[in-house]
N, C-alpha and C. Protein backbone atom coordinates (compact mmCIF):
# COMPACT_ATOMS: atom_id res chain seq x y z
N UNK A 1 101.44 104.89 112.71
CA UNK A 1 101.36 104.32 114.03
C UNK A 1 101.74 105.42 115.04
N UNK A 2 101.20 105.27 116.22
CA UNK A 2 101.56 106.22 117.27
C UNK A 2 101.88 105.45 118.55
N UNK A 3 102.84 105.98 119.28
CA UNK A 3 103.24 105.37 120.54
C UNK A 3 102.63 106.17 121.67
N UNK A 4 101.82 105.51 122.48
CA UNK A 4 101.20 106.15 123.64
C UNK A 4 101.94 105.69 124.89
N UNK A 5 102.16 106.62 125.80
CA UNK A 5 102.83 106.27 127.06
C UNK A 5 102.01 106.78 128.23
N UNK A 6 102.06 106.03 129.30
CA UNK A 6 101.38 106.40 130.54
C UNK A 6 102.24 105.90 131.68
N UNK A 7 102.45 106.73 132.66
CA UNK A 7 103.29 106.27 133.76
C UNK A 7 103.12 107.10 135.02
N UNK A 8 103.45 106.46 136.11
CA UNK A 8 103.53 107.13 137.41
C UNK A 8 104.84 106.69 138.06
N UNK A 9 105.40 107.58 138.87
CA UNK A 9 106.63 107.23 139.59
C UNK A 9 106.64 107.90 140.95
N UNK A 10 107.73 107.73 141.67
CA UNK A 10 107.80 108.26 143.03
C UNK A 10 107.81 109.78 143.08
N UNK A 11 108.02 110.44 141.94
CA UNK A 11 107.95 111.90 141.89
C UNK A 11 106.53 112.39 141.62
N UNK A 12 105.71 111.56 140.96
CA UNK A 12 104.40 112.02 140.51
C UNK A 12 103.22 111.44 141.27
N UNK A 13 103.46 110.39 142.06
CA UNK A 13 102.33 109.75 142.76
C UNK A 13 102.80 109.20 144.11
N UNK A 14 101.93 109.30 145.12
CA UNK A 14 102.29 108.72 146.42
C UNK A 14 102.29 107.19 146.36
N UNK A 15 102.87 106.59 147.36
CA UNK A 15 102.99 105.13 147.43
C UNK A 15 101.64 104.43 147.29
N UNK A 16 100.60 104.95 147.91
CA UNK A 16 99.27 104.32 147.85
C UNK A 16 98.78 104.19 146.41
N UNK A 17 99.02 105.20 145.58
CA UNK A 17 98.62 105.15 144.17
C UNK A 17 99.51 104.18 143.41
N UNK A 18 100.82 104.24 143.63
CA UNK A 18 101.74 103.34 142.93
C UNK A 18 101.43 101.88 143.23
N UNK A 19 101.02 101.59 144.45
CA UNK A 19 100.66 100.21 144.80
C UNK A 19 99.43 99.74 144.03
N UNK A 20 98.49 100.65 143.76
CA UNK A 20 97.27 100.28 143.03
C UNK A 20 97.53 99.99 141.56
N UNK A 21 98.54 100.63 140.99
CA UNK A 21 98.79 100.46 139.55
C UNK A 21 99.99 99.56 139.26
N UNK A 22 100.55 98.94 140.29
CA UNK A 22 101.69 98.04 140.09
C UNK A 22 101.22 96.73 139.45
N UNK A 23 102.06 96.16 138.62
CA UNK A 23 101.78 94.88 137.97
C UNK A 23 102.74 93.85 138.56
N UNK A 24 102.21 92.97 139.39
CA UNK A 24 103.00 91.86 139.89
C UNK A 24 103.09 90.79 138.82
N UNK A 25 103.95 89.79 139.02
CA UNK A 25 104.11 88.73 138.00
C UNK A 25 102.79 88.04 137.64
N UNK A 26 101.91 87.88 138.62
CA UNK A 26 100.65 87.19 138.36
C UNK A 26 99.70 88.02 137.49
N UNK A 27 99.83 89.36 137.51
CA UNK A 27 98.95 90.22 136.72
C UNK A 27 99.57 90.64 135.40
N UNK A 28 100.89 90.55 135.30
CA UNK A 28 101.58 91.08 134.13
C UNK A 28 101.22 90.35 132.85
N UNK A 29 101.27 89.04 132.85
CA UNK A 29 100.97 88.27 131.64
C UNK A 29 99.53 88.50 131.20
N UNK A 30 98.60 88.48 132.14
CA UNK A 30 97.19 88.71 131.80
C UNK A 30 96.99 90.11 131.23
N UNK A 31 97.62 91.12 131.82
CA UNK A 31 97.47 92.49 131.34
C UNK A 31 98.02 92.64 129.92
N UNK A 32 99.19 92.07 129.66
CA UNK A 32 99.76 92.13 128.31
C UNK A 32 98.85 91.45 127.30
N UNK A 33 98.33 90.29 127.67
CA UNK A 33 97.42 89.56 126.78
C UNK A 33 96.16 90.38 126.50
N UNK A 34 95.54 90.91 127.53
CA UNK A 34 94.30 91.67 127.35
C UNK A 34 94.53 92.92 126.51
N UNK A 35 95.63 93.61 126.73
CA UNK A 35 95.89 94.83 125.97
C UNK A 35 96.15 94.53 124.49
N UNK A 36 96.89 93.47 124.20
CA UNK A 36 97.18 93.16 122.80
C UNK A 36 95.98 92.52 122.10
N UNK A 37 95.06 91.93 122.84
CA UNK A 37 93.87 91.33 122.26
C UNK A 37 92.72 92.34 122.16
N UNK A 38 92.93 93.55 122.60
CA UNK A 38 91.86 94.55 122.63
C UNK A 38 91.49 95.08 121.25
N UNK A 39 92.22 94.67 120.22
CA UNK A 39 92.01 95.12 118.85
C UNK A 39 92.36 96.59 118.65
N UNK A 40 92.97 97.22 119.62
CA UNK A 40 93.41 98.61 119.46
C UNK A 40 94.93 98.71 119.49
N UNK A 41 95.60 97.89 120.26
CA UNK A 41 97.04 97.95 120.41
C UNK A 41 97.70 96.83 119.63
N UNK A 42 98.76 97.16 118.90
CA UNK A 42 99.50 96.12 118.18
C UNK A 42 100.68 95.63 118.99
N UNK A 43 101.23 96.48 119.82
CA UNK A 43 102.35 96.10 120.68
C UNK A 43 102.19 96.80 122.02
N UNK A 44 102.60 96.12 123.08
CA UNK A 44 102.48 96.68 124.42
C UNK A 44 103.72 96.30 125.23
N UNK A 45 104.21 97.25 126.01
CA UNK A 45 105.28 96.95 126.97
C UNK A 45 104.86 97.56 128.30
N UNK A 46 105.09 96.82 129.37
CA UNK A 46 104.78 97.29 130.72
C UNK A 46 106.05 97.20 131.55
N UNK A 47 106.40 98.30 132.18
CA UNK A 47 107.53 98.33 133.11
C UNK A 47 106.95 98.63 134.48
N UNK A 48 107.13 97.72 135.41
CA UNK A 48 106.57 97.90 136.75
C UNK A 48 107.63 97.53 137.78
N UNK A 49 108.08 98.54 138.52
CA UNK A 49 109.07 98.33 139.58
C UNK A 49 108.50 98.87 140.89
N UNK A 50 109.31 98.85 141.93
CA UNK A 50 108.84 99.37 143.22
C UNK A 50 108.63 100.89 143.18
N UNK A 51 109.26 101.57 142.24
CA UNK A 51 109.17 103.03 142.18
C UNK A 51 108.31 103.57 141.06
N UNK A 52 107.98 102.73 140.08
CA UNK A 52 107.22 103.27 138.94
C UNK A 52 106.50 102.17 138.18
N UNK A 53 105.47 102.59 137.45
CA UNK A 53 104.77 101.75 136.49
C UNK A 53 104.62 102.56 135.22
N UNK A 54 105.02 101.97 134.10
CA UNK A 54 104.93 102.64 132.81
C UNK A 54 104.32 101.68 131.79
N UNK A 55 103.42 102.20 130.97
CA UNK A 55 102.83 101.44 129.87
C UNK A 55 103.21 102.12 128.57
N UNK A 56 103.62 101.33 127.61
CA UNK A 56 103.93 101.80 126.27
C UNK A 56 103.05 101.01 125.31
N UNK A 57 102.26 101.72 124.51
CA UNK A 57 101.29 101.06 123.63
C UNK A 57 101.47 101.61 122.22
N UNK A 58 101.67 100.72 121.26
CA UNK A 58 101.77 101.09 119.86
C UNK A 58 100.41 100.82 119.22
N UNK A 59 99.84 101.84 118.61
CA UNK A 59 98.49 101.74 118.08
C UNK A 59 98.40 102.52 116.76
N UNK A 60 97.49 102.14 115.87
CA UNK A 60 97.31 102.93 114.66
C UNK A 60 96.97 104.39 115.00
N UNK A 61 97.54 105.31 114.25
CA UNK A 61 97.31 106.73 114.51
C UNK A 61 95.96 107.17 113.95
N UNK A 62 95.49 108.34 114.39
CA UNK A 62 94.26 108.89 113.80
C UNK A 62 94.38 109.09 112.28
N UNK A 63 95.60 109.42 111.82
CA UNK A 63 95.81 109.57 110.38
C UNK A 63 95.63 108.25 109.65
N UNK A 64 96.12 107.15 110.25
CA UNK A 64 95.93 105.82 109.65
C UNK A 64 94.44 105.52 109.49
N UNK A 65 93.67 105.80 110.52
CA UNK A 65 92.23 105.54 110.49
C UNK A 65 91.53 106.44 109.48
N UNK A 66 91.94 107.71 109.41
CA UNK A 66 91.33 108.65 108.46
C UNK A 66 91.59 108.21 107.02
N UNK A 67 92.81 107.77 106.73
CA UNK A 67 93.13 107.30 105.37
C UNK A 67 92.30 106.06 105.04
N UNK A 68 92.14 105.18 106.01
CA UNK A 68 91.32 103.98 105.80
C UNK A 68 89.89 104.36 105.44
N UNK A 69 89.32 105.29 106.21
CA UNK A 69 87.94 105.73 105.93
C UNK A 69 87.83 106.32 104.53
N UNK A 70 88.82 107.12 104.12
CA UNK A 70 88.80 107.70 102.77
C UNK A 70 88.88 106.61 101.70
N UNK A 71 89.74 105.63 101.90
CA UNK A 71 89.87 104.54 100.92
C UNK A 71 88.57 103.75 100.82
N UNK A 72 87.95 103.46 101.95
CA UNK A 72 86.71 102.70 101.95
C UNK A 72 85.60 103.48 101.25
N UNK A 73 85.50 104.78 101.55
CA UNK A 73 84.48 105.61 100.91
C UNK A 73 84.73 105.73 99.40
N UNK A 74 85.99 105.93 99.00
CA UNK A 74 86.32 105.99 97.57
C UNK A 74 85.98 104.67 96.89
N UNK A 75 86.25 103.57 97.57
CA UNK A 75 85.90 102.26 97.02
C UNK A 75 84.40 102.12 96.81
N UNK A 76 83.62 102.61 97.74
CA UNK A 76 82.15 102.55 97.60
C UNK A 76 81.70 103.36 96.39
N UNK A 77 82.24 104.58 96.24
CA UNK A 77 81.87 105.44 95.13
C UNK A 77 82.23 104.82 93.78
N UNK A 78 83.35 104.12 93.73
CA UNK A 78 83.82 103.50 92.49
C UNK A 78 83.36 102.05 92.34
N UNK A 79 82.60 101.57 93.32
CA UNK A 79 82.13 100.19 93.34
C UNK A 79 83.31 99.19 93.31
N UNK A 80 84.35 99.54 94.08
CA UNK A 80 85.52 98.67 94.23
C UNK A 80 85.63 98.33 95.72
N UNK A 81 85.52 97.06 96.08
CA UNK A 81 85.59 96.72 97.50
C UNK A 81 87.01 96.90 98.06
N UNK A 82 87.10 97.51 99.20
CA UNK A 82 88.37 97.61 99.92
C UNK A 82 88.32 96.54 101.01
N UNK A 83 89.19 95.56 100.89
CA UNK A 83 89.15 94.42 101.80
C UNK A 83 89.90 94.67 103.10
N UNK A 84 90.90 95.52 103.07
CA UNK A 84 91.68 95.77 104.28
C UNK A 84 92.62 96.93 104.03
N UNK A 85 93.18 97.46 105.09
CA UNK A 85 94.25 98.46 105.04
C UNK A 85 95.30 97.98 106.02
N UNK A 86 96.47 97.66 105.49
CA UNK A 86 97.55 97.16 106.32
C UNK A 86 98.59 98.25 106.54
N UNK A 87 99.03 98.41 107.77
CA UNK A 87 100.15 99.28 108.10
C UNK A 87 101.31 98.33 108.39
N UNK A 88 102.36 98.44 107.57
CA UNK A 88 103.46 97.49 107.65
C UNK A 88 104.68 98.18 108.24
N UNK A 89 105.30 97.50 109.20
CA UNK A 89 106.51 98.01 109.84
C UNK A 89 107.58 96.95 109.85
N UNK A 90 108.47 97.05 110.79
CA UNK A 90 109.60 96.15 110.87
C UNK A 90 109.15 94.72 111.17
N UNK A 91 109.02 93.93 110.13
CA UNK A 91 108.65 92.52 110.21
C UNK A 91 107.30 92.29 110.90
N UNK A 92 106.43 93.30 110.93
CA UNK A 92 105.10 93.18 111.51
C UNK A 92 104.12 93.96 110.66
N UNK A 93 102.85 93.69 110.86
CA UNK A 93 101.82 94.49 110.21
C UNK A 93 100.61 94.56 111.12
N UNK A 94 99.79 95.57 110.86
CA UNK A 94 98.54 95.74 111.58
C UNK A 94 97.43 95.83 110.55
N UNK A 95 96.41 95.02 110.73
CA UNK A 95 95.23 95.06 109.88
C UNK A 95 94.21 95.98 110.54
N UNK A 96 93.90 97.11 109.91
CA UNK A 96 92.92 98.01 110.49
C UNK A 96 91.52 97.41 110.43
N UNK A 97 91.27 96.54 109.46
CA UNK A 97 89.96 95.88 109.40
C UNK A 97 89.79 94.94 110.58
N UNK A 98 90.82 94.14 110.90
CA UNK A 98 90.75 93.24 112.05
C UNK A 98 90.52 94.00 113.34
N UNK A 99 91.05 95.21 113.42
CA UNK A 99 90.92 96.02 114.63
C UNK A 99 89.65 96.87 114.63
N UNK A 100 88.89 96.78 113.55
CA UNK A 100 87.62 97.52 113.50
C UNK A 100 87.81 99.02 113.34
N UNK A 101 88.90 99.42 112.70
CA UNK A 101 89.20 100.84 112.56
C UNK A 101 89.04 101.30 111.12
N UNK A 102 88.10 102.20 110.87
CA UNK A 102 87.92 102.77 109.55
C UNK A 102 86.94 102.04 108.67
N UNK A 103 86.50 100.86 109.07
CA UNK A 103 85.54 100.09 108.29
C UNK A 103 84.21 100.10 109.05
N UNK A 104 83.15 100.53 108.36
CA UNK A 104 81.85 100.54 109.05
C UNK A 104 80.84 99.69 108.33
């Protein structure tokens, strides 16, 4: 898994930009829902204050996807179906098949 971060603050962006990327209460729930339902992110956190907006996204790493592709290809060569590749963490898991990663 890899943690991606993106943010702007009063040191890196003028007020006009910070206002465009701010998440008010009415947009926050929808944004969290859309990001976690995108089939790419397993966990998302958004911090949005008057001075900064930060997004933290936990997503399968390129190595996770590469291993999945290798397992699927090896399964094809051996005529053994690979049904899924799960990445398991602290009381959670991510199905790479559900996210459309590594299975073609």
